[in-house]
Protein backbone atom coordinates (compact mmCIF):
# COMPACT_ATOMS: atom_id res chain seq x y z
CA MET A 1 20.09 -13.41 -13.69
CA GLN A 2 18.95 -10.77 -16.19
CA ALA A 3 15.35 -9.70 -16.52
CA THR A 4 13.60 -10.41 -19.77
CA PRO A 5 12.84 -7.38 -22.05
CA SER A 6 9.24 -8.03 -21.74
CA ALA A 7 9.43 -7.81 -17.90
CA ASP A 8 10.98 -4.27 -18.26
CA THR A 9 8.15 -3.05 -20.64
CA PRO A 10 5.24 -1.46 -18.92
CA PRO A 11 1.86 -2.49 -19.94
CA ASP A 12 -0.12 -0.93 -22.64
CA ARG A 13 -3.03 -0.07 -20.17
CA LEU A 14 -2.97 0.17 -16.35
CA SER A 15 -5.36 1.63 -13.74
CA VAL A 16 -4.87 2.44 -9.99
CA ASN A 17 -8.52 1.42 -9.31
CA PRO A 18 -8.77 -1.99 -7.77
CA ASP A 19 -12.06 -2.57 -9.30
CA SER A 20 -10.84 -2.17 -12.93
CA PRO A 21 -9.81 -5.15 -15.07
CA HIS A 22 -6.65 -3.39 -15.90
CA HIS A 23 -5.38 -3.13 -12.33
CA ASP A 24 -2.13 -4.67 -11.45
CA ALA A 25 -0.97 -4.28 -7.71
CA ALA A 26 2.53 -5.82 -8.34
CA LEU A 27 3.31 -3.28 -11.12
CA LEU A 28 1.86 -0.39 -9.05
CA GLU A 29 4.13 -1.36 -6.01
CA ARG A 30 7.31 -1.44 -8.44
CA GLY A 31 6.51 2.26 -9.41
CA ILE A 32 5.28 3.67 -12.73
CA GLY A 33 6.21 6.95 -14.09
CA VAL A 34 3.86 8.62 -16.72
CA ARG A 35 4.84 11.43 -19.02
CA PHE A 36 1.79 13.12 -20.99
CA LYS A 37 2.66 15.44 -23.60
CA GLY A 38 6.17 15.81 -22.54
CA VAL A 39 5.29 16.65 -18.75
CA GLU A 40 5.58 14.13 -16.03
CA LYS A 41 2.30 13.66 -14.29
CA THR A 42 1.67 12.20 -10.66
CA ASN A 43 -2.15 12.35 -10.58
CA VAL A 44 -2.65 9.68 -13.37
CA GLU A 45 -5.55 7.37 -12.37
CA GLU A 46 -5.48 5.19 -15.64
CA TYR A 47 -3.49 5.35 -19.07
CA CYS A 48 -3.66 3.61 -22.30
CA ILE A 49 -0.56 3.98 -24.53
CA SER A 50 -1.77 2.51 -27.71
CA GLU A 51 -5.04 4.78 -27.78
CA GLY A 52 -3.14 7.82 -26.44
CA TRP A 53 -5.02 9.00 -23.42
CA VAL A 54 -4.64 9.39 -19.79
CA ARG A 55 -7.38 9.63 -17.02
CA LEU A 56 -6.13 12.26 -14.44
CA ALA A 57 -7.75 12.77 -11.28
CA VAL A 58 -9.34 16.32 -10.84
CA GLY A 59 -8.62 17.84 -7.42
CA LYS A 60 -9.85 16.00 -4.29
CA THR A 61 -13.59 15.58 -5.46
CA LEU A 62 -15.13 12.24 -5.20
CA ASP A 63 -18.01 10.79 -7.12
CA ARG A 64 -21.02 9.18 -5.44
CA ARG A 65 -19.21 5.74 -5.24
CA GLY A 66 -16.14 7.20 -3.56
CA ASN A 67 -13.85 7.25 -6.30
CA PRO A 68 -11.88 10.31 -7.52
CA MET A 69 -13.40 12.50 -10.20
CA THR A 70 -11.45 12.16 -13.43
CA MET A 71 -10.90 13.74 -16.64
CA LYS A 72 -9.68 12.19 -19.95
CA LEU A 73 -7.08 13.71 -22.00
CA GLN A 74 -5.85 12.84 -25.35
CA GLY A 75 -2.27 13.17 -26.41
CA PRO A 76 1.15 11.09 -26.40
CA VAL A 77 1.77 9.11 -23.53
CA GLU A 78 5.17 7.70 -22.25
CA VAL A 79 5.43 5.21 -19.45
CA TRP A 80 8.28 3.71 -17.60
CA PHE A 81 9.24 1.73 -14.51
CA LYS A 82 10.60 4.13 -11.80
CA SER A 83 12.81 1.18 -10.26
């Protein structure tokens, strides 16, 4: 059985934070690769392809709610499934 093309296309927006409405645990378990400005990033907390931004974790610093401190960067975003 072949997978449909839409099943092999990553979502436009995805977040690793379980409290976010853009969180999808099944897709994150499958493995997502993110390339920002031509460089593969491993510390991406959230991305949006259509708006062209990523939110990256900044060190190991946490905010007052226990979430990682993040920085939003603008630029070209490429996303793919690792598996």
